[in-house]
Amino acid sequence: MAEKPEAGRVRFLEGHALVDPIPHGFDLISFKSMLHDWPERETMRFLSRAVEALEPGGIVLIFERSPLESDEADISFSTLPFLLFFRSFRDSSWYESRLKALGLADVATTTLRLDTPFHIITGRKK
């Protein structure tokens, strides 16, 4: 990352995400394939703390696997490890409703198919 033009805008923080403070002043906070690992209470804690840390106009971006539909027959062998978590994958509407409850605007979802369906859910802080 150090050689990229964006290097001065990207920070990696060490800490315990449930208890350590999140610095303020960000224009984007992303969650990539981690929220499904947590119960609703902790997931909402992550999201509410992220919203607090954003500048007005900042974006929360969630990138998570979608639950598999029962009629999806083209699942490959390489997908099997992810099926261990299939009960914890949430539909995009779950995330959308939580982002709206936290006061975010312009909440939207894009779905794309990689090895399994993924959702990209975004919301903007007013």
N, C-alpha and C. Protein backbone atom coordinates (compact mmCIF):
# COMPACT_ATOMS: atom_id res chain seq x y z
N MET A 1 0.82 -1.19 0.00
CA MET A 1 0.00 0.00 0.00
C MET A 1 0.86 1.25 0.00
N ALA A 2 2.04 1.21 0.59
CA ALA A 2 2.88 2.40 0.74
C ALA A 2 3.23 3.04 -0.59
N GLU A 3 3.26 2.27 -1.65
CA GLU A 3 3.63 2.80 -2.96
C GLU A 3 2.45 3.34 -3.76
N LYS A 4 1.25 3.17 -3.26
CA LYS A 4 0.05 3.61 -3.96
C LYS A 4 -0.24 5.07 -3.68
N PRO A 5 -0.85 5.78 -4.63
CA PRO A 5 -1.15 7.20 -4.42
C PRO A 5 -2.07 7.44 -3.21
N GLU A 6 -2.91 6.45 -2.88
CA GLU A 6 -3.86 6.60 -1.78
C GLU A 6 -3.25 6.31 -0.42
N ALA A 7 -1.98 5.95 -0.37
CA ALA A 7 -1.35 5.49 0.87
C ALA A 7 -1.56 6.46 2.03
N GLY A 8 -1.53 7.75 1.77
CA GLY A 8 -1.71 8.72 2.84
C GLY A 8 -3.12 8.78 3.39
N ARG A 9 -4.08 8.18 2.67
CA ARG A 9 -5.48 8.22 3.10
C ARG A 9 -5.94 6.92 3.73
N VAL A 10 -5.09 5.90 3.74
CA VAL A 10 -5.48 4.59 4.25
C VAL A 10 -4.73 4.31 5.54
N ARG A 11 -5.49 3.88 6.54
CA ARG A 11 -4.87 3.51 7.82
C ARG A 11 -5.38 2.15 8.25
N PHE A 12 -4.48 1.36 8.78
CA PHE A 12 -4.83 0.08 9.38
C PHE A 12 -4.65 0.24 10.88
N LEU A 13 -5.66 -0.14 11.64
CA LEU A 13 -5.63 0.06 13.07
C LEU A 13 -5.57 -1.28 13.78
N GLU A 14 -4.70 -1.36 14.76
CA GLU A 14 -4.64 -2.54 15.61
C GLU A 14 -5.54 -2.30 16.81
N GLY A 15 -6.28 -3.30 17.19
CA GLY A 15 -7.10 -3.13 18.37
C GLY A 15 -8.21 -4.15 18.45
N HIS A 16 -9.01 -4.02 19.46
CA HIS A 16 -10.16 -4.87 19.70
C HIS A 16 -11.39 -4.09 19.24
N ALA A 17 -11.98 -4.51 18.16
CA ALA A 17 -13.04 -3.73 17.51
C ALA A 17 -14.28 -3.54 18.36
N LEU A 18 -14.50 -4.39 19.34
CA LEU A 18 -15.68 -4.23 20.18
C LEU A 18 -15.49 -3.23 21.31
N VAL A 19 -14.25 -2.97 21.69
CA VAL A 19 -14.05 -2.11 22.86
C VAL A 19 -13.13 -0.91 22.61
N ASP A 20 -12.18 -1.04 21.72
CA ASP A 20 -11.26 0.07 21.49
C ASP A 20 -11.94 1.16 20.67
N PRO A 21 -11.61 2.43 20.95
CA PRO A 21 -12.25 3.52 20.20
C PRO A 21 -11.85 3.50 18.73
N ILE A 22 -12.79 3.91 17.91
CA ILE A 22 -12.52 4.10 16.48
C ILE A 22 -12.24 5.58 16.30
N PRO A 23 -11.10 5.93 15.74
CA PRO A 23 -10.83 7.36 15.50
C PRO A 23 -11.90 7.96 14.59
N HIS A 24 -12.12 9.25 14.73
CA HIS A 24 -13.13 9.94 13.93
C HIS A 24 -12.48 10.59 12.71
N GLY A 25 -13.33 11.00 11.78
CA GLY A 25 -12.87 11.76 10.64
C GLY A 25 -12.76 10.98 9.34
N PHE A 26 -13.40 9.84 9.26
CA PHE A 26 -13.27 9.02 8.05
C PHE A 26 -14.36 9.34 7.04
N ASP A 27 -14.04 9.12 5.75
CA ASP A 27 -15.05 9.27 4.71
C ASP A 27 -15.54 7.91 4.20
N LEU A 28 -14.90 6.82 4.63
CA LEU A 28 -15.34 5.47 4.27
C LEU A 28 -14.87 4.50 5.35
N ILE A 29 -15.80 3.67 5.82
CA ILE A 29 -15.47 2.56 6.70
C ILE A 29 -16.10 1.32 6.08
N SER A 30 -15.27 0.31 5.86
CA SER A 30 -15.77 -0.89 5.19
C SER A 30 -15.69 -2.11 6.10
N PHE A 31 -16.61 -3.01 5.87
CA PHE A 31 -16.65 -4.30 6.55
C PHE A 31 -16.69 -5.36 5.46
N LYS A 32 -15.62 -6.12 5.36
CA LYS A 32 -15.53 -7.14 4.32
C LYS A 32 -15.57 -8.53 4.95
N SER A 33 -16.67 -9.24 4.73
CA SER A 33 -16.83 -10.63 5.16
C SER A 33 -16.49 -10.85 6.62
N MET A 34 -16.99 -9.98 7.48
CA MET A 34 -16.77 -10.17 8.91
C MET A 34 -18.04 -10.09 9.72
N LEU A 35 -19.01 -9.32 9.27
CA LEU A 35 -20.20 -9.10 10.09
C LEU A 35 -21.02 -10.36 10.27
N HIS A 36 -20.99 -11.26 9.30
CA HIS A 36 -21.77 -12.50 9.43
C HIS A 36 -21.28 -13.37 10.58
N ASP A 37 -20.05 -13.14 11.04
CA ASP A 37 -19.48 -13.93 12.14
C ASP A 37 -20.02 -13.53 13.51
N TRP A 38 -20.80 -12.46 13.58
CA TRP A 38 -21.20 -11.90 14.85
C TRP A 38 -22.72 -11.91 15.02
N PRO A 39 -23.18 -12.11 16.26
CA PRO A 39 -24.62 -11.98 16.52
C PRO A 39 -25.08 -10.55 16.27
N GLU A 40 -26.40 -10.38 16.24
CA GLU A 40 -26.96 -9.07 15.90
C GLU A 40 -26.46 -7.97 16.83
N ARG A 41 -26.42 -8.21 18.13
CA ARG A 41 -26.00 -7.16 19.07
C ARG A 41 -24.61 -6.63 18.76
N GLU A 42 -23.66 -7.53 18.53
CA GLU A 42 -22.30 -7.11 18.23
C GLU A 42 -22.20 -6.47 16.84
N THR A 43 -22.94 -7.02 15.89
CA THR A 43 -22.95 -6.43 14.55
C THR A 43 -23.45 -4.99 14.60
N MET A 44 -24.51 -4.76 15.36
CA MET A 44 -25.03 -3.40 15.49
C MET A 44 -24.04 -2.51 16.22
N ARG A 45 -23.30 -3.06 17.13
CA ARG A 45 -22.27 -2.27 17.82
C ARG A 45 -21.19 -1.82 16.84
N PHE A 46 -20.73 -2.75 16.00
CA PHE A 46 -19.74 -2.38 14.97
C PHE A 46 -20.28 -1.28 14.07
N LEU A 47 -21.51 -1.47 13.60
CA LEU A 47 -22.08 -0.52 12.65
C LEU A 47 -22.32 0.84 13.29
N SER A 48 -22.85 0.87 14.50
CA SER A 48 -23.13 2.16 15.13
C SER A 48 -21.84 2.91 15.44
N ARG A 49 -20.81 2.20 15.84
CA ARG A 49 -19.53 2.86 16.10
C ARG A 49 -18.91 3.38 14.80
N ALA A 50 -19.10 2.65 13.72
CA ALA A 50 -18.60 3.12 12.42
C ALA A 50 -19.31 4.40 12.00
N VAL A 51 -20.63 4.42 12.16
CA VAL A 51 -21.39 5.62 11.80
C VAL A 51 -20.92 6.82 12.62
N GLU A 52 -20.69 6.61 13.90
CA GLU A 52 -20.19 7.70 14.76
C GLU A 52 -18.85 8.23 14.27
N ALA A 53 -18.00 7.36 13.74
CA ALA A 53 -16.65 7.75 13.32
C ALA A 53 -16.62 8.44 11.96
N LEU A 54 -17.70 8.34 11.21
CA LEU A 54 -17.72 8.94 9.87
C LEU A 54 -17.94 10.44 9.92
N GLU A 55 -17.34 11.11 8.96
CA GLU A 55 -17.65 12.52 8.71
C GLU A 55 -19.01 12.58 8.00
N PRO A 56 -19.73 13.70 8.09
CA PRO A 56 -20.95 13.85 7.29
C PRO A 56 -20.63 13.61 5.81
N GLY A 57 -21.48 12.84 5.16
CA GLY A 57 -21.25 12.46 3.77
C GLY A 57 -20.44 11.19 3.62
N GLY A 58 -19.89 10.69 4.72
CA GLY A 58 -19.09 9.47 4.68
C GLY A 58 -19.96 8.24 4.45
N ILE A 59 -19.32 7.18 4.00
CA ILE A 59 -20.01 5.96 3.57
C ILE A 59 -19.63 4.77 4.44
N VAL A 60 -20.63 3.99 4.83
CA VAL A 60 -20.42 2.65 5.37
C VAL A 60 -20.58 1.70 4.20
N LEU A 61 -19.61 0.82 4.01
CA LEU A 61 -19.65 -0.15 2.92
C LEU A 61 -19.54 -1.55 3.53
N ILE A 62 -20.54 -2.39 3.23
CA ILE A 62 -20.57 -3.76 3.73
C ILE A 62 -20.47 -4.69 2.53
N PHE A 63 -19.51 -5.61 2.57
CA PHE A 63 -19.31 -6.59 1.50
C PHE A 63 -19.43 -7.96 2.15
N GLU A 64 -20.57 -8.62 1.94
CA GLU A 64 -20.85 -9.90 2.59
C GLU A 64 -21.46 -10.89 1.61
N ARG A 65 -21.21 -12.16 1.88
CA ARG A 65 -21.87 -13.21 1.12
C ARG A 65 -23.36 -13.18 1.40
N SER A 66 -24.11 -13.50 0.38
CA SER A 66 -25.55 -13.61 0.49
C SER A 66 -25.91 -15.04 0.88
N PRO A 67 -27.05 -15.21 1.55
CA PRO A 67 -27.52 -16.58 1.76
C PRO A 67 -27.73 -17.25 0.40
N LEU A 68 -27.44 -18.52 0.33
CA LEU A 68 -27.65 -19.26 -0.92
C LEU A 68 -29.12 -19.59 -1.08
N GLU A 69 -29.60 -19.45 -2.28
CA GLU A 69 -30.97 -19.84 -2.57
C GLU A 69 -31.03 -21.36 -2.70
N SER A 70 -32.14 -21.95 -2.33
CA SER A 70 -32.24 -23.41 -2.35
C SER A 70 -32.16 -23.99 -3.75
N ASP A 71 -32.43 -23.19 -4.76
CA ASP A 71 -32.40 -23.71 -6.13
C ASP A 71 -31.04 -23.51 -6.82
N GLU A 72 -30.04 -23.07 -6.08
CA GLU A 72 -28.72 -22.86 -6.69
C GLU A 72 -28.01 -24.20 -6.81
N ALA A 73 -27.95 -24.73 -8.01
CA ALA A 73 -27.41 -26.07 -8.23
C ALA A 73 -25.97 -26.06 -8.72
N ASP A 74 -25.43 -24.91 -9.05
CA ASP A 74 -24.09 -24.87 -9.65
C ASP A 74 -23.00 -24.53 -8.63
N ILE A 75 -23.15 -25.05 -7.43
CA ILE A 75 -22.15 -24.81 -6.39
C ILE A 75 -20.96 -25.72 -6.64
N SER A 76 -19.79 -25.12 -6.65
CA SER A 76 -18.58 -25.90 -6.94
C SER A 76 -18.00 -26.51 -5.66
N PHE A 77 -17.14 -27.47 -5.84
CA PHE A 77 -16.47 -28.12 -4.72
C PHE A 77 -15.69 -27.11 -3.89
N SER A 78 -15.10 -26.12 -4.54
CA SER A 78 -14.31 -25.12 -3.82
C SER A 78 -15.16 -24.25 -2.90
N THR A 79 -16.46 -24.28 -3.07
CA THR A 79 -17.38 -23.50 -2.25
C THR A 79 -17.70 -24.18 -0.92
N LEU A 80 -17.41 -25.45 -0.81
CA LEU A 80 -17.79 -26.21 0.38
C LEU A 80 -17.34 -25.58 1.70
N PRO A 81 -16.12 -25.06 1.82
CA PRO A 81 -15.75 -24.44 3.11
C PRO A 81 -16.66 -23.29 3.53
N PHE A 82 -17.18 -22.55 2.57
CA PHE A 82 -18.05 -21.42 2.89
C PHE A 82 -19.43 -21.88 3.35
N LEU A 83 -19.80 -23.09 2.96
CA LEU A 83 -21.11 -23.59 3.35
C LEU A 83 -21.20 -23.86 4.86
N LEU A 84 -20.05 -23.94 5.52
CA LEU A 84 -20.07 -24.09 6.97
C LEU A 84 -20.74 -22.89 7.64
N PHE A 85 -20.73 -21.75 6.97
CA PHE A 85 -21.27 -20.52 7.53
C PHE A 85 -22.64 -20.15 6.96
N PHE A 86 -23.23 -21.03 6.16
CA PHE A 86 -24.42 -20.63 5.41
C PHE A 86 -25.56 -20.15 6.31
N ARG A 87 -25.64 -20.65 7.52
CA ARG A 87 -26.71 -20.22 8.42
C ARG A 87 -26.50 -18.79 8.93
N SER A 88 -25.27 -18.31 8.86
CA SER A 88 -25.01 -16.97 9.40
C SER A 88 -25.01 -15.89 8.33
N PHE A 89 -25.08 -16.25 7.06
CA PHE A 89 -25.14 -15.23 6.01
C PHE A 89 -26.52 -14.57 6.05
N ARG A 90 -26.51 -13.24 6.03
CA ARG A 90 -27.76 -12.48 6.12
C ARG A 90 -28.13 -11.90 4.76
N ASP A 91 -29.41 -11.76 4.55
CA ASP A 91 -29.90 -11.13 3.33
C ASP A 91 -29.59 -9.63 3.39
N SER A 92 -29.46 -9.03 2.22
CA SER A 92 -29.13 -7.60 2.16
C SER A 92 -30.17 -6.73 2.86
N SER A 93 -31.43 -7.16 2.85
CA SER A 93 -32.47 -6.36 3.51
C SER A 93 -32.22 -6.23 5.01
N TRP A 94 -31.58 -7.23 5.60
CA TRP A 94 -31.24 -7.16 7.02
C TRP A 94 -30.28 -5.99 7.26
N TYR A 95 -29.22 -5.92 6.45
CA TYR A 95 -28.24 -4.84 6.59
C TYR A 95 -28.86 -3.50 6.23
N GLU A 96 -29.66 -3.46 5.16
CA GLU A 96 -30.29 -2.20 4.76
C GLU A 96 -31.12 -1.62 5.89
N SER A 97 -31.94 -2.46 6.53
CA SER A 97 -32.81 -1.96 7.59
C SER A 97 -32.00 -1.45 8.77
N ARG A 98 -30.88 -2.09 9.07
CA ARG A 98 -30.05 -1.62 10.19
C ARG A 98 -29.35 -0.31 9.87
N LEU A 99 -28.87 -0.17 8.64
CA LEU A 99 -28.22 1.09 8.26
C LEU A 99 -29.23 2.24 8.28
N LYS A 100 -30.44 1.98 7.83
CA LYS A 100 -31.47 3.02 7.88
C LYS A 100 -31.83 3.37 9.31
N ALA A 101 -31.89 2.36 10.18
CA ALA A 101 -32.19 2.61 11.59
C ALA A 101 -31.11 3.45 12.25
N LEU A 102 -29.89 3.36 11.75
CA LEU A 102 -28.79 4.16 12.28
C LEU A 102 -28.75 5.57 11.67
N GLY A 103 -29.74 5.87 10.82
CA GLY A 103 -29.86 7.21 10.27
C GLY A 103 -29.12 7.45 8.96
N LEU A 104 -28.62 6.38 8.34
CA LEU A 104 -27.91 6.58 7.07
C LEU A 104 -28.90 6.79 5.93
N ALA A 105 -28.47 7.57 4.95
CA ALA A 105 -29.28 7.88 3.78
C ALA A 105 -28.72 7.13 2.57
N ASP A 106 -29.48 7.15 1.51
CA ASP A 106 -29.06 6.56 0.23
C ASP A 106 -28.58 5.12 0.41
N VAL A 107 -29.27 4.37 1.24
CA VAL A 107 -28.91 2.97 1.46
C VAL A 107 -29.25 2.18 0.21
N ALA A 108 -28.27 1.44 -0.29
CA ALA A 108 -28.46 0.71 -1.55
C ALA A 108 -27.65 -0.58 -1.53
N THR A 109 -28.09 -1.53 -2.33
CA THR A 109 -27.42 -2.82 -2.45
C THR A 109 -27.15 -3.14 -3.91
N THR A 110 -25.96 -3.64 -4.15
CA THR A 110 -25.60 -4.23 -5.43
C THR A 110 -25.26 -5.69 -5.15
N THR A 111 -25.81 -6.58 -5.94
CA THR A 111 -25.52 -8.00 -5.77
C THR A 111 -24.68 -8.47 -6.94
N LEU A 112 -23.65 -9.23 -6.64
CA LEU A 112 -22.84 -9.80 -7.71
C LEU A 112 -22.54 -11.25 -7.41
N ARG A 113 -22.34 -11.98 -8.45
CA ARG A 113 -22.08 -13.42 -8.33
C ARG A 113 -20.60 -13.67 -8.52
N LEU A 114 -19.94 -14.13 -7.47
CA LEU A 114 -18.55 -14.58 -7.58
C LEU A 114 -18.61 -16.09 -7.43
N ASP A 115 -17.90 -16.68 -6.48
CA ASP A 115 -18.08 -18.11 -6.26
C ASP A 115 -19.45 -18.40 -5.65
N THR A 116 -19.96 -17.45 -4.86
CA THR A 116 -21.32 -17.44 -4.35
C THR A 116 -21.82 -16.01 -4.48
N PRO A 117 -23.12 -15.77 -4.30
CA PRO A 117 -23.60 -14.39 -4.38
C PRO A 117 -23.05 -13.53 -3.25
N PHE A 118 -22.67 -12.32 -3.57
CA PHE A 118 -22.22 -11.32 -2.61
C PHE A 118 -23.11 -10.09 -2.71
N HIS A 119 -23.24 -9.41 -1.58
CA HIS A 119 -23.94 -8.13 -1.55
C HIS A 119 -22.93 -7.05 -1.20
N ILE A 120 -23.06 -5.93 -1.86
CA ILE A 120 -22.33 -4.72 -1.49
C ILE A 120 -23.43 -3.74 -1.05
N ILE A 121 -23.45 -3.43 0.24
CA ILE A 121 -24.47 -2.56 0.80
C ILE A 121 -23.78 -1.28 1.25
N THR A 122 -24.34 -0.15 0.86
CA THR A 122 -23.76 1.14 1.25
C THR A 122 -24.83 2.04 1.85
N GLY A 123 -24.38 2.93 2.69
CA GLY A 123 -25.23 3.97 3.25
C GLY A 123 -24.37 5.19 3.54
N ARG A 124 -24.95 6.36 3.39
CA ARG A 124 -24.22 7.63 3.55
C ARG A 124 -24.70 8.34 4.81
N LYS A 125 -23.74 8.84 5.59
CA LYS A 125 -24.08 9.61 6.77
C LYS A 125 -24.53 11.01 6.36
N LYS A 126 -25.64 11.43 6.91
CA LYS A 126 -26.20 12.75 6.57
C LYS A 126 -25.36 13.86 7.17
